[in-house]
Protein backbone atom coordinates (compact mmCIF):
# COMPACT_ATOMS: atom_id res chain seq x y z
CA MET A 1 60.85 132.61 51.53
CA ASN A 2 58.40 130.13 49.50
CA TYR A 3 57.98 126.30 50.18
CA GLU A 4 60.89 125.67 47.77
CA GLU A 5 63.84 128.06 49.53
CA MET A 6 61.79 126.71 53.23
CA ILE A 7 62.46 122.86 52.70
CA LYS A 8 65.87 123.48 51.43
CA SER A 9 66.83 125.87 53.87
CA HIS A 10 65.60 123.36 56.81
CA LEU A 11 67.64 120.41 54.67
CA ALA A 12 70.69 122.23 54.95
CA ASP A 13 70.14 122.72 58.68
CA TYR A 14 69.27 119.09 58.94
CA LYS A 15 72.55 118.02 56.76
CA VAL A 16 74.84 119.57 59.25
CA LYS A 17 72.67 118.29 62.37
CA LYS A 18 71.59 114.85 61.80
CA LEU A 19 74.17 113.83 59.75
CA ALA A 20 77.51 116.09 60.63
CA ILE A 21 78.14 117.20 57.35
CA THR A 22 78.76 120.67 57.10
CA ALA A 23 80.60 121.30 53.62
CA PRO A 24 78.52 122.68 50.43
CA GLN A 25 78.47 120.97 47.49
CA THR A 26 78.60 122.50 43.77
CA TRP A 27 75.83 120.63 41.57
CA ARG A 28 77.05 119.23 37.87
CA GLY A 29 80.07 121.21 37.42
CA GLY A 30 78.79 124.53 38.43
CA LYS A 31 80.82 127.06 40.71
CA LYS A 32 78.09 127.80 42.87
CA LYS A 33 77.77 125.63 46.17
CA TYR A 34 74.82 124.20 47.77
CA HIS A 35 74.26 122.85 51.61
CA TYR A 36 71.30 120.63 50.63
CA ILE A 37 73.04 118.78 48.69
CA LEU A 38 75.18 115.64 50.16
CA PRO A 39 78.67 114.74 48.92
CA ALA A 40 77.92 112.28 45.31
CA ASP A 41 79.49 108.89 47.16
CA GLN A 42 77.75 109.45 50.32
CA TRP A 43 73.81 109.08 48.31
CA ASP A 44 72.88 106.36 51.07
CA LEU A 45 72.94 109.37 53.61
CA ASN A 46 69.56 110.20 51.96
CA PHE A 47 67.86 106.85 53.18
CA LEU A 48 66.58 107.58 57.32
CA SER A 49 68.64 105.88 59.51
CA GLN A 50 65.79 102.95 60.73
CA PHE A 51 65.74 101.03 57.19
CA ARG A 52 69.24 102.54 55.59
CA ALA A 53 71.11 99.55 55.44
CA GLU A 54 68.22 97.42 53.84
CA SER A 55 67.31 100.44 51.72
CA SER A 56 70.55 100.91 50.12
CA LYS A 57 71.64 97.28 49.87
CA TRP A 58 68.51 96.36 48.07
CA ILE A 59 69.06 99.39 45.51
CA LYS A 60 72.47 97.58 44.68
CA ASP A 61 71.21 94.35 44.66
CA LYS A 62 68.55 95.41 41.88
CA GLU A 63 70.88 97.74 40.07
CA ILE A 64 67.82 100.57 40.32
CA LYS A 65 68.49 103.33 37.91
CA LEU A 66 68.84 106.65 40.79
CA HIS A 67 68.28 110.34 39.19
CA HIS A 68 71.28 112.35 39.42
CA SER A 69 69.95 114.24 41.65
CA PHE A 70 69.46 111.32 43.99
CA HIS A 71 72.26 112.78 46.51
CA HIS A 72 70.02 116.24 46.59
CA LEU A 73 67.95 115.76 49.91
CA ASN A 74 65.14 116.98 48.41
CA SER A 75 65.12 113.93 45.82
CA SER A 76 61.42 113.24 45.05
CA GLN A 77 62.88 109.90 44.19
CA ALA A 78 64.17 109.76 48.24
CA VAL A 79 61.05 110.35 49.26
CA CYS A 80 59.42 108.27 47.59
CA PHE A 81 61.99 105.55 48.97
CA ASN A 82 61.92 106.83 52.24
CA PHE A 83 58.01 106.25 52.32
CA PHE A 84 56.96 103.11 50.67
CA TYR A 85 59.98 100.69 51.00
CA PRO A 86 60.04 100.26 54.88
CA LEU A 87 56.60 99.26 54.41
CA ILE A 88 57.49 96.71 52.07
CA ILE A 89 60.57 95.51 54.13
CA GLU A 90 58.03 95.27 57.34
CA GLY A 91 55.39 93.40 55.43
CA GLN A 92 52.81 96.09 56.00
CA LEU A 93 52.16 97.45 52.25
CA SER A 94 48.95 96.81 52.60
CA LEU A 95 48.51 99.73 55.20
CA VAL A 96 48.73 101.80 51.65
CA LEU A 97 45.62 100.20 50.83
CA LYS A 98 43.75 101.57 53.93
CA ILE A 99 45.29 105.30 53.93
CA LEU A 100 44.22 106.17 50.42
CA HIS A 101 40.58 103.83 51.41
CA VAL A 102 41.06 101.48 48.99
CA GLU A 103 39.40 97.88 49.61
CA ASP A 104 41.95 95.76 50.74
CA GLU A 105 42.51 92.92 48.80
CA PRO A 106 46.39 90.85 48.19
CA ILE A 107 48.82 93.27 46.65
CA GLU A 108 50.17 90.80 43.62
CA GLU A 109 53.04 93.42 42.54
CA TRP A 110 54.89 96.81 43.69
CA ALA A 111 57.42 98.31 41.96
CA PHE A 112 59.85 101.71 41.78
CA GLU A 113 59.98 102.91 38.71
CA LYS A 114 57.58 101.46 36.93
CA ILE A 115 57.21 101.81 32.92
CA MET A 116 53.91 100.54 32.06
CA PRO A 117 53.64 98.42 28.92
CA GLY A 118 52.91 99.53 25.44
CA GLY A 119 56.36 100.82 24.63
CA GLU A 120 55.66 104.59 25.30
CA LYS A 121 58.32 104.48 28.43
CA THR A 122 56.51 106.65 31.05
CA ASN A 123 58.03 105.09 34.31
CA PHE A 124 55.86 105.90 37.68
CA ASP A 125 57.41 106.20 40.27
CA PHE A 126 55.68 103.67 42.24
CA TYR A 127 53.44 101.09 41.20
CA LEU A 128 50.65 98.71 42.72
CA LYS A 129 48.55 95.74 41.05
CA LEU A 130 45.97 93.61 43.40
CA LYS A 131 44.73 90.48 43.19
CA SER A 132 41.74 91.72 41.38
CA GLY A 133 43.67 93.14 38.66
CA LYS A 134 43.54 96.92 39.62
CA GLU A 135 46.91 99.25 39.47
CA ILE A 136 47.40 102.38 40.98
CA LEU A 137 49.75 103.97 40.04
CA PHE A 138 51.82 106.95 42.10
CA GLU A 139 53.69 110.29 40.38
CA ILE A 140 55.41 111.48 43.88
CA LYS A 141 56.62 115.66 43.83
CA TYR A 142 58.04 117.47 46.71
CA THR A 143 59.93 120.86 46.24
CA GLU A 144 59.59 120.57 42.36
CA ARG A 145 58.62 124.27 41.08
CA GLY A 146 55.64 122.82 39.05
CA PHE A 147 54.89 119.93 36.74
CA GLY A 148 57.35 119.18 33.70
CA LYS A 149 56.31 120.91 30.82
CA VAL A 150 58.39 120.31 27.49
CA PRO A 151 59.32 123.23 24.80
CA ALA A 152 57.33 123.36 21.25
CA SER A 153 59.93 121.51 19.41
CA GLU A 154 59.08 119.12 16.10
CA THR A 155 60.57 116.23 17.94
CA TYR A 156 57.65 116.61 20.63
CA GLU A 157 55.09 117.40 18.38
CA LYS A 158 55.70 114.09 16.40
CA GLN A 159 55.62 112.50 19.71
CA PHE A 160 52.40 113.73 20.00
CA LEU A 161 50.97 112.71 16.73
CA ASN A 162 52.22 109.33 16.78
CA VAL A 163 51.55 108.35 20.31
CA TYR A 164 50.02 110.72 22.83
CA ARG A 165 47.17 111.75 20.15
CA THR A 166 45.48 108.56 20.29
CA MET A 167 46.60 107.63 23.85
CA LEU A 168 44.33 110.84 24.98
CA ALA A 169 41.74 109.98 22.70
CA GLY A 170 38.31 110.64 24.61
CA LYS A 171 40.42 111.30 27.94
CA ILE A 172 40.90 115.37 27.23
CA ARG A 173 37.92 117.55 25.95
CA MET A 174 37.79 118.11 21.89
CA GLU A 175 38.37 121.50 22.16
CA VAL A 176 41.62 121.50 23.63
CA ALA A 177 43.37 118.11 22.54
CA GLY A 178 46.33 119.66 20.85
CA TYR A 179 49.97 119.57 20.99
CA GLU A 180 50.04 122.70 22.54
CA THR A 181 48.35 121.76 25.52
CA LEU A 182 50.42 118.55 25.69
CA ALA A 183 54.00 120.68 25.80
CA LYS A 184 52.03 122.99 28.47
CA ASN A 185 50.80 120.34 30.67
CA TYR A 186 53.11 117.65 29.59
CA GLN A 187 54.20 115.74 32.66
CA LEU A 188 50.37 115.46 33.84
CA LEU A 189 48.71 114.40 30.52
CA ARG A 190 51.18 111.81 29.72
CA ASN A 191 50.74 110.42 33.37
CA ILE A 192 47.00 111.13 32.97
CA ALA A 193 47.08 108.61 29.30
CA HIS A 194 47.60 106.03 30.93
CA VAL A 195 44.16 105.80 33.08
CA GLU A 196 41.36 104.70 31.32
CA PRO A 197 37.32 104.95 32.74
CA GLY A 198 36.49 102.47 34.94
CA ASP A 199 37.84 101.17 38.32
CA LYS A 200 40.50 98.98 36.97
CA ARG A 201 43.94 101.84 37.03
CA SER A 202 43.74 105.04 39.23
CA LEU A 203 46.62 107.51 38.98
CA VAL A 204 47.51 109.43 42.60
CA PHE A 205 49.70 112.63 42.69
CA ILE A 206 51.54 112.81 45.75
CA CYS A 207 52.50 116.32 47.16
CA PRO A 208 52.95 118.63 49.64
CA GLU A 209 50.10 120.90 50.71
CA ASN A 210 52.02 124.18 50.53
CA ASN A 211 53.43 123.06 47.02
CA LYS A 212 50.79 125.17 45.99
CA LYS A 213 51.96 125.44 42.10
CA LEU A 214 51.61 122.05 41.97
CA HIS A 215 48.27 121.73 43.28
CA LYS A 216 47.11 124.39 40.93
CA GLU A 217 48.38 123.03 38.30
CA TYR A 218 46.63 119.71 38.95
CA GLN A 219 43.20 121.43 39.67
CA ASN A 220 43.63 123.41 36.37
CA VAL A 221 44.43 120.36 34.25
CA LEU A 222 41.48 118.31 36.25
CA ASP A 223 39.43 121.09 35.47
CA ASN A 224 39.94 122.27 32.32
CA LEU A 225 40.72 119.51 30.44
CA VAL A 226 40.08 116.29 31.67
CA MET A 227 36.75 114.72 30.42
CA PRO A 228 34.97 114.48 33.51
CA ALA A 229 34.32 110.64 32.97
CA LEU A 230 38.18 109.51 34.54
CA HIS A 231 38.30 112.23 37.44
CA GLN A 232 37.53 109.69 39.70
CA ASN A 233 40.58 107.67 38.48
CA ILE A 234 43.13 110.71 38.92
CA HIS A 235 43.56 111.92 42.63
CA MET A 236 46.17 114.52 44.51
CA VAL A 237 46.98 113.53 47.92
CA THR A 238 48.98 115.62 50.45
CA TRP A 239 51.64 113.87 51.85
CA GLU A 240 50.49 115.69 55.78
CA SER A 241 47.61 113.61 55.14
CA LEU A 242 49.10 110.52 54.48
CA LEU A 243 51.23 110.79 57.42
CA LYS A 244 48.70 111.40 59.41
CA ARG A 245 46.41 108.59 58.83
CA LEU A 246 49.08 105.77 58.61
CA LYS A 247 50.01 107.36 62.06
CA ILE A 248 46.28 106.20 62.65
CA GLN A 249 46.46 102.90 60.83
CA MET A 250 49.56 101.46 62.52
CA GLU A 251 48.03 102.68 66.31
CA ALA A 252 45.40 100.25 65.20
CA GLU A 253 47.77 97.09 64.12
CA PRO A 254 48.12 94.85 66.95
CA ASN A 255 51.15 93.77 66.01
CA ASN A 256 54.10 95.72 67.33
CA LEU A 257 55.00 98.46 64.30
CA THR A 258 57.83 100.25 66.59
CA LYS A 259 60.43 100.42 64.19
CA LEU A 260 58.28 101.71 61.54
CA ALA A 261 56.44 104.15 64.09
CA ASP A 262 59.94 105.69 65.02
CA HIS A 263 60.98 105.40 61.01
CA TYR A 264 58.12 107.71 60.02
CA ARG A 265 58.70 110.06 63.13
CA GLU A 266 62.42 110.30 61.35
CA PHE A 267 60.45 111.32 57.91
CA GLU A 268 58.25 113.73 59.55
CA GLU A 269 61.37 115.52 60.73
CA LYS A 270 63.26 115.73 57.69
CA TYR A 271 61.04 116.19 55.39
CA PHE A 272 57.77 118.02 56.69
CA PRO A 273 59.26 119.57 59.59
CA PHE A 274 56.43 122.70 59.69
CA GLN A 275 53.29 122.59 61.44
CA ILE A 276 50.08 122.48 59.27
CA ASP A 277 46.68 123.06 60.23
CA LEU A 278 45.12 120.00 58.32
CA LYS A 279 41.81 120.86 56.77
CA GLU A 280 39.85 117.58 55.72
CA GLU A 281 40.19 116.83 52.50
CA ASN A 282 38.38 114.73 49.11
CA GLU A 283 40.61 113.43 47.37
CA TRP A 284 39.44 109.87 47.03
CA ALA A 285 36.37 109.08 45.16
CA SER A 286 35.12 106.60 48.50
CA GLU A 287 35.78 109.38 50.95
């Protein structure tokens, strides 16, 4: 059983035991039924119980566009909301800076599904802008089998020639700076295209420690395609290490963060129930 299958099996049990929903659901009109999918009209049950009411209300009030698979219990968009939005509600978003070892300074802006300026339309799962002007772009992964690719086609080749060739100039090695490289590593390079050398913008990929395919693809792109000058701006961290660090930070806070602590215990129970031996990582340049 691979990582994706292991998680989906766990989430199927979670749906029955924690949400009391037993009926499997079809996907996009297909005949096969899946136990890890919620009924589409009960998408709000994908928010964890401590902040479910606030989260679903905010989504409706702000008319946030949810992914078509948001009602899947393994939705990475749901993982993203469940991780970041409770910190926002409780006024503790600055803990994200601490667990990423970023210099603590006021956060001026945060956003989900952030579209960066320039007309290129890439949207990032989460976004932070600090008082100094520094920006942190987040790409969230969970059970995905890899980063997004695109087929060779005239449409994407025109997009490369008209948009990405310029955006990626000086960021990837000249000998591989062609359309075929972009197509094979589309999502990674599309995200990396928004990063510039210097200290004003960082890109953070968050994925499970055991989703080895994501790690392998990321490392291949970083080692073989991206110019070394940009490496300090691009990082991959694991969910497991973030949760471990967050727990330490919450315990050190003078304020009572009991509700948040309960929430992240539930977060771990839902998304990362399997015991993993954590090793020291070196994902962030300042570590």
